[in-house]
């Protein structure tokens, strides 16, 4: 499995071009005392300003897509490639990337759960997202995650089994 969020974290931490662009654009307010990108500070900036968020997404999204597509290509070149590979893309529908995948699995949670799990204000963020109902409708496999971890595990195992046949 590869995670778009983890790719973003790696880019902000390790990619010199991304780090330089963030520092040039946001200045010192986006850096920690060591001069590295401070993700919490960047988050505070972009979640308050839609234009700043758009700038950051334009910087990061192409690099994220390039990374997960390269990863998939590497898997295909293996002597014994996996039957299923999973790419976690939280903003899949928002960035219009669903056509890059054979199947889409959507897992959502009720708003109260998302609010409880998030460290950022969710109302403004939710307004920018494709509604859950549409995500669930468009996905090949869908789950509203309001149950136990065991139920989530069973759903995931069922999806993998169906995709692995």
N, C-alpha and C. Protein backbone atom coordinates (compact mmCIF):
# COMPACT_ATOMS: atom_id res chain seq x y z
N UNK A 1 0.83 -1.18 0.00
CA UNK A 1 0.00 0.00 0.00
C UNK A 1 0.88 1.24 0.00
N UNK A 2 0.39 2.25 -0.69
CA UNK A 2 1.06 3.54 -0.68
C UNK A 2 0.01 4.59 -0.31
N UNK A 3 0.42 5.57 0.44
CA UNK A 3 -0.49 6.60 0.95
C UNK A 3 -0.12 7.97 0.41
N UNK A 4 -1.08 8.63 -0.19
CA UNK A 4 -0.84 9.99 -0.69
C UNK A 4 -0.42 10.92 0.43
N UNK A 5 -1.04 10.78 1.58
CA UNK A 5 -0.65 11.63 2.71
C UNK A 5 0.80 11.40 3.11
N UNK A 6 1.23 10.14 3.13
CA UNK A 6 2.63 9.85 3.45
C UNK A 6 3.58 10.40 2.39
N UNK A 7 3.14 10.34 1.14
CA UNK A 7 3.96 10.91 0.07
C UNK A 7 4.13 12.41 0.29
N UNK A 8 3.05 13.09 0.65
CA UNK A 8 3.12 14.53 0.93
C UNK A 8 4.10 14.79 2.07
N UNK A 9 4.02 14.01 3.13
CA UNK A 9 4.93 14.18 4.26
C UNK A 9 6.39 14.01 3.81
N UNK A 10 6.64 13.00 2.99
CA UNK A 10 8.00 12.77 2.49
C UNK A 10 8.46 13.93 1.61
N UNK A 11 7.59 14.42 0.74
CA UNK A 11 7.96 15.54 -0.12
C UNK A 11 8.32 16.77 0.71
N UNK A 12 7.50 17.08 1.69
CA UNK A 12 7.76 18.25 2.53
C UNK A 12 9.03 18.08 3.36
N UNK A 13 9.34 16.86 3.72
CA UNK A 13 10.52 16.59 4.54
C UNK A 13 11.79 16.44 3.71
N UNK A 14 11.69 15.76 2.54
CA UNK A 14 12.90 15.31 1.85
C UNK A 14 13.16 15.91 0.48
N UNK A 15 12.17 16.48 -0.16
CA UNK A 15 12.36 16.96 -1.53
C UNK A 15 12.89 18.40 -1.52
N UNK A 16 14.13 18.61 -1.95
CA UNK A 16 14.72 19.96 -1.90
C UNK A 16 13.92 20.99 -2.68
N UNK A 17 13.37 20.61 -3.84
CA UNK A 17 12.59 21.55 -4.63
C UNK A 17 11.31 21.97 -3.93
N UNK A 18 10.65 21.02 -3.31
CA UNK A 18 9.42 21.33 -2.56
C UNK A 18 9.74 22.19 -1.36
N UNK A 19 10.78 21.82 -0.62
CA UNK A 19 11.15 22.60 0.57
C UNK A 19 11.50 24.03 0.18
N UNK A 20 12.24 24.20 -0.90
CA UNK A 20 12.63 25.54 -1.36
C UNK A 20 11.40 26.34 -1.79
N UNK A 21 10.49 25.70 -2.54
CA UNK A 21 9.29 26.39 -3.00
C UNK A 21 8.43 26.84 -1.82
N UNK A 22 8.27 25.97 -0.83
CA UNK A 22 7.48 26.31 0.36
C UNK A 22 8.14 27.46 1.11
N UNK A 23 9.45 27.38 1.30
CA UNK A 23 10.16 28.45 2.00
C UNK A 23 10.07 29.77 1.24
N UNK A 24 10.24 29.72 -0.09
CA UNK A 24 10.15 30.94 -0.89
C UNK A 24 8.75 31.54 -0.85
N UNK A 25 7.75 30.68 -0.92
CA UNK A 25 6.37 31.17 -0.98
C UNK A 25 5.86 31.67 0.37
N UNK A 26 6.06 30.88 1.41
CA UNK A 26 5.49 31.22 2.72
C UNK A 26 6.48 31.94 3.63
N UNK A 27 7.74 31.88 3.33
CA UNK A 27 8.74 32.51 4.18
C UNK A 27 8.95 31.76 5.48
N UNK A 28 9.54 32.44 6.42
CA UNK A 28 9.89 31.84 7.71
C UNK A 28 8.73 31.32 8.51
N UNK A 29 7.54 31.80 8.24
CA UNK A 29 6.38 31.35 9.03
C UNK A 29 6.04 29.88 8.79
N UNK A 30 6.62 29.29 7.72
CA UNK A 30 6.34 27.89 7.40
C UNK A 30 7.50 26.97 7.75
N UNK A 31 8.51 27.51 8.43
CA UNK A 31 9.69 26.72 8.75
C UNK A 31 9.87 26.57 10.25
N UNK A 32 10.48 25.47 10.64
CA UNK A 32 10.78 25.29 12.06
C UNK A 32 12.15 25.89 12.36
N UNK A 33 12.61 25.73 13.59
CA UNK A 33 13.87 26.35 14.00
C UNK A 33 15.08 25.79 13.27
N UNK A 34 14.96 24.59 12.66
CA UNK A 34 16.05 24.01 11.89
C UNK A 34 15.99 24.38 10.41
N UNK A 35 14.97 25.16 10.04
CA UNK A 35 14.81 25.54 8.63
C UNK A 35 14.07 24.51 7.80
N UNK A 36 13.52 23.49 8.44
CA UNK A 36 12.72 22.49 7.73
C UNK A 36 11.27 22.95 7.68
N UNK A 37 10.52 22.37 6.74
CA UNK A 37 9.10 22.70 6.62
C UNK A 37 8.38 22.24 7.89
N UNK A 38 7.65 23.13 8.48
CA UNK A 38 6.83 22.84 9.66
C UNK A 38 5.41 22.55 9.16
N UNK A 39 5.05 21.27 9.08
CA UNK A 39 3.75 20.90 8.52
C UNK A 39 2.59 21.52 9.27
N UNK A 40 2.70 21.62 10.58
CA UNK A 40 1.61 22.22 11.35
C UNK A 40 1.45 23.69 10.99
N UNK A 41 2.56 24.40 10.84
CA UNK A 41 2.49 25.81 10.46
C UNK A 41 1.93 25.97 9.06
N UNK A 42 2.36 25.13 8.13
CA UNK A 42 1.82 25.20 6.77
C UNK A 42 0.33 24.90 6.79
N UNK A 43 -0.06 23.89 7.55
CA UNK A 43 -1.48 23.55 7.67
C UNK A 43 -2.30 24.71 8.19
N UNK A 44 -1.78 25.39 9.21
CA UNK A 44 -2.50 26.54 9.75
C UNK A 44 -2.66 27.63 8.70
N UNK A 45 -1.67 27.81 7.87
CA UNK A 45 -1.74 28.84 6.82
C UNK A 45 -2.77 28.45 5.76
N UNK A 46 -2.65 27.24 5.23
CA UNK A 46 -3.47 26.87 4.08
C UNK A 46 -4.92 26.57 4.44
N UNK A 47 -5.17 26.13 5.66
CA UNK A 47 -6.55 25.86 6.01
C UNK A 47 -7.32 27.13 6.36
N UNK A 48 -6.61 28.24 6.44
CA UNK A 48 -7.25 29.54 6.66
C UNK A 48 -7.39 30.35 5.38
N UNK A 49 -6.71 29.93 4.32
CA UNK A 49 -6.67 30.74 3.10
C UNK A 49 -6.75 29.82 1.89
N UNK A 50 -7.86 29.87 1.21
CA UNK A 50 -8.13 28.97 0.09
C UNK A 50 -7.11 29.14 -1.05
N UNK A 51 -6.67 30.36 -1.29
CA UNK A 51 -5.68 30.60 -2.35
C UNK A 51 -4.33 29.97 -2.00
N UNK A 52 -3.97 30.04 -0.74
CA UNK A 52 -2.72 29.42 -0.30
C UNK A 52 -2.82 27.89 -0.40
N UNK A 53 -3.98 27.36 -0.07
CA UNK A 53 -4.20 25.92 -0.21
C UNK A 53 -4.09 25.52 -1.68
N UNK A 54 -4.70 26.29 -2.54
CA UNK A 54 -4.63 26.00 -3.98
C UNK A 54 -3.17 26.00 -4.45
N UNK A 55 -2.39 26.98 -3.99
CA UNK A 55 -0.98 27.03 -4.37
C UNK A 55 -0.25 25.76 -3.93
N UNK A 56 -0.46 25.37 -2.68
CA UNK A 56 0.22 24.19 -2.15
C UNK A 56 -0.22 22.92 -2.89
N UNK A 57 -1.50 22.80 -3.18
CA UNK A 57 -1.98 21.63 -3.91
C UNK A 57 -1.39 21.58 -5.31
N UNK A 58 -1.26 22.73 -5.97
CA UNK A 58 -0.66 22.76 -7.31
C UNK A 58 0.82 22.37 -7.26
N UNK A 59 1.47 22.65 -6.16
CA UNK A 59 2.86 22.24 -5.98
C UNK A 59 2.95 20.74 -5.74
N UNK A 60 2.10 20.22 -4.86
CA UNK A 60 2.25 18.85 -4.38
C UNK A 60 1.54 17.79 -5.22
N UNK A 61 0.33 18.06 -5.68
CA UNK A 61 -0.46 17.01 -6.33
C UNK A 61 0.24 16.36 -7.52
N UNK A 62 0.84 17.10 -8.43
CA UNK A 62 1.53 16.42 -9.54
C UNK A 62 2.66 15.50 -9.06
N UNK A 63 3.36 15.91 -8.03
CA UNK A 63 4.45 15.09 -7.50
C UNK A 63 3.92 13.84 -6.80
N UNK A 64 2.80 13.98 -6.11
CA UNK A 64 2.18 12.83 -5.45
C UNK A 64 1.74 11.82 -6.50
N UNK A 65 1.07 12.30 -7.54
CA UNK A 65 0.59 11.42 -8.60
C UNK A 65 1.77 10.72 -9.28
N UNK A 66 2.80 11.46 -9.59
CA UNK A 66 4.00 10.88 -10.20
C UNK A 66 4.58 9.78 -9.32
N UNK A 67 4.61 10.00 -8.03
CA UNK A 67 5.18 9.02 -7.10
C UNK A 67 4.35 7.75 -7.06
N UNK A 68 3.03 7.86 -6.93
CA UNK A 68 2.27 6.61 -6.83
C UNK A 68 2.17 5.90 -8.17
N UNK A 69 2.21 6.63 -9.27
CA UNK A 69 2.22 5.95 -10.57
C UNK A 69 3.55 5.21 -10.78
N UNK A 70 4.65 5.81 -10.37
CA UNK A 70 5.96 5.16 -10.47
C UNK A 70 5.98 3.90 -9.60
N UNK A 71 5.41 3.98 -8.40
CA UNK A 71 5.34 2.83 -7.50
C UNK A 71 4.57 1.69 -8.16
N UNK A 72 3.44 2.01 -8.78
CA UNK A 72 2.64 0.97 -9.46
C UNK A 72 3.44 0.34 -10.60
N UNK A 73 4.15 1.16 -11.36
CA UNK A 73 4.99 0.63 -12.44
C UNK A 73 6.05 -0.31 -11.89
N UNK A 74 6.66 0.07 -10.78
CA UNK A 74 7.68 -0.78 -10.17
C UNK A 74 7.08 -2.12 -9.73
N UNK A 75 5.87 -2.09 -9.19
CA UNK A 75 5.21 -3.34 -8.79
C UNK A 75 4.96 -4.22 -10.00
N UNK A 76 4.53 -3.62 -11.11
CA UNK A 76 4.24 -4.40 -12.32
C UNK A 76 5.49 -5.06 -12.89
N UNK A 77 6.65 -4.49 -12.61
CA UNK A 77 7.90 -5.04 -13.14
C UNK A 77 8.45 -6.18 -12.28
N UNK A 78 7.87 -6.40 -11.11
CA UNK A 78 8.34 -7.48 -10.25
C UNK A 78 8.13 -8.84 -10.92
N UNK A 79 8.96 -9.76 -10.59
CA UNK A 79 8.84 -11.11 -11.13
C UNK A 79 7.50 -11.73 -10.77
N UNK A 80 7.05 -11.46 -9.56
CA UNK A 80 5.75 -11.97 -9.10
C UNK A 80 4.96 -10.78 -8.53
N UNK A 81 4.36 -9.97 -9.41
CA UNK A 81 3.65 -8.77 -8.91
C UNK A 81 2.44 -9.15 -8.06
N UNK A 82 2.09 -8.30 -7.12
CA UNK A 82 0.92 -8.58 -6.28
C UNK A 82 -0.37 -8.55 -7.10
N UNK A 83 -1.35 -9.32 -6.67
CA UNK A 83 -2.64 -9.35 -7.36
C UNK A 83 -3.38 -8.03 -7.18
N UNK A 84 -3.14 -7.38 -6.03
CA UNK A 84 -3.82 -6.14 -5.71
C UNK A 84 -2.79 -5.17 -5.13
N UNK A 85 -2.84 -3.95 -5.59
CA UNK A 85 -2.05 -2.90 -4.93
C UNK A 85 -3.01 -1.78 -4.57
N UNK A 86 -2.77 -1.16 -3.45
CA UNK A 86 -3.68 -0.17 -2.90
C UNK A 86 -2.98 1.17 -2.82
N UNK A 87 -3.66 2.18 -3.35
CA UNK A 87 -3.18 3.55 -3.26
C UNK A 87 -4.23 4.36 -2.51
N UNK A 88 -3.86 4.86 -1.36
CA UNK A 88 -4.79 5.68 -0.56
C UNK A 88 -4.71 7.12 -1.07
N UNK A 89 -5.86 7.62 -1.52
CA UNK A 89 -5.93 8.98 -2.04
C UNK A 89 -7.15 9.66 -1.42
N UNK A 90 -6.98 10.36 -0.30
CA UNK A 90 -8.14 10.97 0.37
C UNK A 90 -8.91 11.96 -0.51
N UNK A 91 -8.24 12.65 -1.40
CA UNK A 91 -8.90 13.64 -2.26
C UNK A 91 -9.08 13.13 -3.69
N UNK A 92 -9.27 11.85 -3.84
CA UNK A 92 -9.33 11.23 -5.16
C UNK A 92 -10.33 11.91 -6.09
N UNK A 93 -11.56 12.06 -5.64
CA UNK A 93 -12.58 12.67 -6.50
C UNK A 93 -12.36 14.17 -6.65
N UNK A 94 -11.85 14.80 -5.62
CA UNK A 94 -11.63 16.25 -5.67
C UNK A 94 -10.57 16.63 -6.70
N UNK A 95 -9.58 15.75 -6.91
CA UNK A 95 -8.53 16.05 -7.88
C UNK A 95 -8.76 15.35 -9.22
N UNK A 96 -9.88 14.64 -9.34
CA UNK A 96 -10.24 14.01 -10.60
C UNK A 96 -9.35 12.87 -11.02
N UNK A 97 -8.83 12.13 -10.07
CA UNK A 97 -7.87 11.06 -10.37
C UNK A 97 -8.49 9.66 -10.40
N UNK A 98 -9.79 9.54 -10.21
CA UNK A 98 -10.38 8.21 -10.11
C UNK A 98 -10.19 7.38 -11.39
N UNK A 99 -10.02 8.01 -12.53
CA UNK A 99 -9.86 7.26 -13.78
C UNK A 99 -8.51 6.56 -13.87
N UNK A 100 -7.58 6.88 -13.00
CA UNK A 100 -6.27 6.24 -13.00
C UNK A 100 -6.28 4.86 -12.33
N UNK A 101 -7.43 4.48 -11.79
CA UNK A 101 -7.51 3.26 -11.00
C UNK A 101 -8.53 2.29 -11.60
N UNK A 102 -8.23 1.00 -11.47
CA UNK A 102 -9.15 -0.02 -11.96
C UNK A 102 -10.43 -0.06 -11.14
N UNK A 103 -10.29 0.07 -9.84
CA UNK A 103 -11.42 0.05 -8.93
C UNK A 103 -11.19 1.10 -7.85
N UNK A 104 -12.28 1.63 -7.34
CA UNK A 104 -12.21 2.62 -6.26
C UNK A 104 -12.98 2.10 -5.06
N UNK A 105 -12.35 2.21 -3.91
CA UNK A 105 -12.97 1.86 -2.63
C UNK A 105 -13.11 3.16 -1.86
N UNK A 106 -14.33 3.46 -1.43
CA UNK A 106 -14.57 4.66 -0.63
C UNK A 106 -14.97 4.24 0.78
N UNK A 107 -14.25 4.78 1.75
CA UNK A 107 -14.59 4.56 3.15
C UNK A 107 -14.80 5.93 3.76
N UNK A 108 -15.99 6.16 4.26
CA UNK A 108 -16.30 7.44 4.87
C UNK A 108 -16.66 7.23 6.34
N UNK A 109 -16.84 8.32 7.02
CA UNK A 109 -17.30 8.28 8.41
C UNK A 109 -18.33 9.38 8.59
N UNK A 110 -19.20 9.20 9.53
CA UNK A 110 -20.21 10.23 9.79
C UNK A 110 -19.50 11.51 10.24
N UNK A 111 -20.11 12.67 10.00
CA UNK A 111 -19.45 13.94 10.33
C UNK A 111 -18.97 14.06 11.77
N UNK A 112 -19.71 13.54 12.71
CA UNK A 112 -19.31 13.64 14.11
C UNK A 112 -17.99 12.91 14.35
N UNK A 113 -17.82 11.77 13.71
CA UNK A 113 -16.60 10.99 13.86
C UNK A 113 -15.43 11.73 13.21
N UNK A 114 -15.66 12.28 12.02
CA UNK A 114 -14.58 13.02 11.34
C UNK A 114 -14.15 14.22 12.16
N UNK A 115 -15.11 14.92 12.74
CA UNK A 115 -14.79 16.09 13.56
C UNK A 115 -13.96 15.67 14.77
N UNK A 116 -14.33 14.56 15.38
CA UNK A 116 -13.61 14.07 16.55
C UNK A 116 -12.18 13.65 16.19
N UNK A 117 -11.99 13.12 14.99
CA UNK A 117 -10.69 12.62 14.57
C UNK A 117 -9.76 13.71 14.04
N UNK A 118 -10.31 14.86 13.69
CA UNK A 118 -9.52 15.89 13.03
C UNK A 118 -8.97 16.91 14.01
N UNK A 119 -7.75 17.36 13.71
CA UNK A 119 -7.17 18.42 14.53
C UNK A 119 -7.43 19.79 13.92
N UNK A 120 -8.02 19.83 12.73
CA UNK A 120 -8.33 21.09 12.05
C UNK A 120 -9.84 21.30 12.04
N UNK A 121 -10.25 22.54 11.92
CA UNK A 121 -11.66 22.84 11.76
C UNK A 121 -12.17 22.14 10.51
N UNK A 122 -13.28 21.43 10.62
CA UNK A 122 -13.73 20.62 9.50
C UNK A 122 -14.82 21.27 8.67
N UNK A 123 -15.55 22.23 9.18
CA UNK A 123 -16.68 22.80 8.43
C UNK A 123 -16.21 23.42 7.12
N UNK A 124 -15.19 24.26 7.17
CA UNK A 124 -14.66 24.89 5.96
C UNK A 124 -14.09 23.85 5.01
N UNK A 125 -13.39 22.90 5.56
CA UNK A 125 -12.79 21.85 4.74
C UNK A 125 -13.86 21.00 4.08
N UNK A 126 -14.87 20.62 4.82
CA UNK A 126 -15.95 19.78 4.29
C UNK A 126 -16.65 20.46 3.11
N UNK A 127 -16.77 21.78 3.17
CA UNK A 127 -17.45 22.52 2.10
C UNK A 127 -16.70 22.39 0.77
N UNK A 128 -15.41 22.13 0.81
CA UNK A 128 -14.60 22.01 -0.41
C UNK A 128 -14.57 20.59 -0.97
N UNK A 129 -15.10 19.63 -0.23
CA UNK A 129 -15.00 18.23 -0.61
C UNK A 129 -16.24 17.75 -1.37
N UNK A 130 -16.04 16.74 -2.18
CA UNK A 130 -17.17 16.06 -2.81
C UNK A 130 -17.98 15.42 -1.68
N UNK A 131 -19.30 15.58 -1.70
CA UNK A 131 -20.11 15.00 -0.61
C UNK A 131 -19.94 13.49 -0.51
N UNK A 132 -19.98 13.00 0.71
CA UNK A 132 -19.82 11.56 0.95
C UNK A 132 -20.79 10.73 0.13
N UNK A 133 -22.03 11.17 0.05
CA UNK A 133 -23.04 10.41 -0.69
C UNK A 133 -22.60 10.19 -2.14
N UNK A 134 -22.01 11.21 -2.74
CA UNK A 134 -21.55 11.08 -4.12
C UNK A 134 -20.34 10.15 -4.21
N UNK A 135 -19.42 10.27 -3.25
CA UNK A 135 -18.26 9.37 -3.24
C UNK A 135 -18.71 7.92 -3.14
N UNK A 136 -19.64 7.67 -2.23
CA UNK A 136 -20.13 6.31 -2.03
C UNK A 136 -20.83 5.80 -3.29
N UNK A 137 -21.57 6.66 -3.95
CA UNK A 137 -22.28 6.29 -5.17
C UNK A 137 -21.31 5.97 -6.31
N UNK A 138 -20.27 6.75 -6.43
CA UNK A 138 -19.33 6.60 -7.54
C UNK A 138 -18.33 5.45 -7.35
N UNK A 139 -18.10 5.05 -6.12
CA UNK A 139 -17.10 4.02 -5.82
C UNK A 139 -17.59 2.63 -6.23
N UNK A 140 -16.63 1.77 -6.54
CA UNK A 140 -16.95 0.38 -6.84
C UNK A 140 -17.27 -0.41 -5.57
N UNK A 141 -16.64 -0.04 -4.47
CA UNK A 141 -16.87 -0.63 -3.15
C UNK A 141 -16.99 0.51 -2.17
N UNK A 142 -17.97 0.46 -1.26
CA UNK A 142 -18.19 1.60 -0.37
C UNK A 142 -18.59 1.14 1.03
N UNK A 143 -18.12 1.91 2.01
CA UNK A 143 -18.45 1.62 3.41
C UNK A 143 -18.54 2.92 4.18
N UNK A 144 -19.60 3.05 4.97
CA UNK A 144 -19.66 4.11 5.97
C UNK A 144 -19.10 3.49 7.23
N UNK A 145 -17.95 3.97 7.66
CA UNK A 145 -17.20 3.37 8.76
C UNK A 145 -17.73 3.88 10.10
N UNK A 146 -18.85 3.32 10.52
CA UNK A 146 -19.43 3.73 11.81
C UNK A 146 -19.50 2.55 12.78
N UNK A 147 -18.80 1.47 12.43
CA UNK A 147 -18.82 0.28 13.27
C UNK A 147 -17.47 0.03 13.92
N UNK A 148 -17.22 -1.22 14.15
CA UNK A 148 -16.00 -1.63 14.86
C UNK A 148 -14.83 -1.78 13.88
N UNK A 149 -13.63 -1.89 14.45
CA UNK A 149 -12.45 -2.18 13.63
C UNK A 149 -12.59 -3.55 12.97
N UNK A 150 -13.24 -4.47 13.65
CA UNK A 150 -13.45 -5.79 13.08
C UNK A 150 -14.32 -5.71 11.84
N UNK A 151 -15.36 -4.87 11.87
CA UNK A 151 -16.22 -4.71 10.70
C UNK A 151 -15.45 -4.06 9.55
N UNK A 152 -14.61 -3.10 9.85
CA UNK A 152 -13.78 -2.48 8.81
C UNK A 152 -12.81 -3.50 8.22
N UNK A 153 -12.18 -4.30 9.08
CA UNK A 153 -11.27 -5.35 8.61
C UNK A 153 -11.99 -6.35 7.72
N UNK A 154 -13.21 -6.74 8.11
CA UNK A 154 -13.98 -7.69 7.31
C UNK A 154 -14.33 -7.10 5.95
N UNK A 155 -14.70 -5.83 5.91
CA UNK A 155 -14.98 -5.16 4.64
C UNK A 155 -13.75 -5.17 3.76
N UNK A 156 -12.60 -4.77 4.33
CA UNK A 156 -11.36 -4.72 3.56
C UNK A 156 -10.98 -6.10 3.04
N UNK A 157 -11.11 -7.11 3.87
CA UNK A 157 -10.77 -8.48 3.45
C UNK A 157 -11.69 -8.94 2.32
N UNK A 158 -12.94 -8.58 2.40
CA UNK A 158 -13.89 -8.95 1.34
C UNK A 158 -13.54 -8.28 0.02
N UNK A 159 -13.18 -7.00 0.08
CA UNK A 159 -12.79 -6.27 -1.13
C UNK A 159 -11.54 -6.90 -1.74
N UNK A 160 -10.53 -7.17 -0.91
CA UNK A 160 -9.30 -7.77 -1.42
C UNK A 160 -9.59 -9.13 -2.04
N UNK A 161 -10.43 -9.91 -1.40
CA UNK A 161 -10.77 -11.23 -1.95
C UNK A 161 -11.45 -11.09 -3.31
N UNK A 162 -12.36 -10.15 -3.43
CA UNK A 162 -13.06 -9.96 -4.72
C UNK A 162 -12.11 -9.46 -5.79
N UNK A 163 -11.16 -8.63 -5.43
CA UNK A 163 -10.23 -8.08 -6.41
C UNK A 163 -9.10 -9.04 -6.76
N UNK A 164 -8.88 -10.03 -5.92
CA UNK A 164 -7.77 -10.96 -6.12
C UNK A 164 -8.14 -12.18 -6.96
N UNK A 165 -9.38 -12.40 -7.20
CA UNK A 165 -9.78 -13.63 -7.90
C UNK A 165 -9.12 -13.67 -9.20
